Amino acid sequence: MLYDNPDAFLICAFKHDNALCDPEPDATAPRQYACQTDCGNTVRTDGHARGMRE
């Protein structure tokens, strides 16, 4: 499942083992507003890139 975080200009393709958002041990979703830009779950679209540049 993908989780959009427009404030961070990214989408999270959540995998608990890769998550840097410090999810609870049994979490099945990210802590959406604790995104880390260097997380392995991060996905960005062209629209995200444009938003980051602006």
Protein backbone atom coordinates (compact mmCIF):
# COMPACT_ATOMS: atom_id res chain seq x y z
CA MET A 1 0.00 0.00 0.00
CA LEU A 2 1.17 3.54 -0.76
CA TYR A 3 0.80 6.45 1.65
CA ASP A 4 0.93 9.99 0.30
CA ASN A 5 2.53 12.73 2.37
CA PRO A 6 2.10 15.95 0.40
CA ASP A 7 3.84 18.01 3.11
CA ALA A 8 7.04 15.99 2.64
CA PHE A 9 6.74 15.77 -1.17
CA LEU A 10 6.82 11.98 -1.13
CA ILE A 11 4.88 8.75 -1.16
CA CYS A 12 5.71 5.97 1.27
CA ALA A 13 5.77 2.40 -0.05
CA PHE A 14 5.66 1.16 3.54
CA LYS A 15 7.83 -1.79 4.52
CA HIS A 16 8.25 -1.96 8.27
CA ASP A 17 11.83 -3.29 8.12
CA ASN A 18 13.00 -0.25 6.10
CA ALA A 19 10.98 2.44 7.86
CA LEU A 20 12.84 5.33 9.47
CA CYS A 21 9.66 6.92 10.86
CA ASP A 22 9.94 4.84 14.05
CA PRO A 23 6.72 2.82 13.59
CA GLU A 24 5.35 0.72 16.43
CA PRO A 25 6.58 -2.91 16.35
CA ASP A 26 3.26 -4.23 14.99
CA ALA A 27 2.51 -1.24 12.71
CA THR A 28 1.09 -1.90 9.26
CA ALA A 29 1.33 1.76 8.20
CA PRO A 30 3.94 4.48 8.55
CA ARG A 31 3.93 7.33 11.02
CA GLN A 32 2.98 9.48 8.08
CA TYR A 33 4.14 12.84 9.41
CA ALA A 34 7.46 11.52 10.70
CA CYS A 35 8.88 10.84 7.23
CA GLN A 36 12.64 10.88 6.78
CA THR A 37 13.94 11.90 3.37
CA ASP A 38 16.59 9.17 3.29
CA CYS A 39 14.16 6.34 4.09
CA GLY A 40 14.24 3.34 1.74
CA ASN A 41 10.44 3.42 1.52
CA THR A 42 10.40 6.85 -0.13
CA VAL A 43 9.02 7.24 -3.64
CA ARG A 44 8.80 10.55 -5.48
CA THR A 45 6.95 11.53 -8.63
CA ASP A 46 7.84 14.25 -11.10
CA GLY A 47 5.21 16.39 -9.37
CA HIS A 48 6.96 15.94 -6.03
CA ALA A 49 10.28 16.97 -7.60
CA ARG A 50 8.71 20.10 -9.09
CA GLY A 51 7.18 20.99 -5.72
CA MET A 52 10.51 20.57 -3.98
CA ARG A 53 12.22 22.88 -6.47
CA GLU A 54 9.55 25.56 -6.06
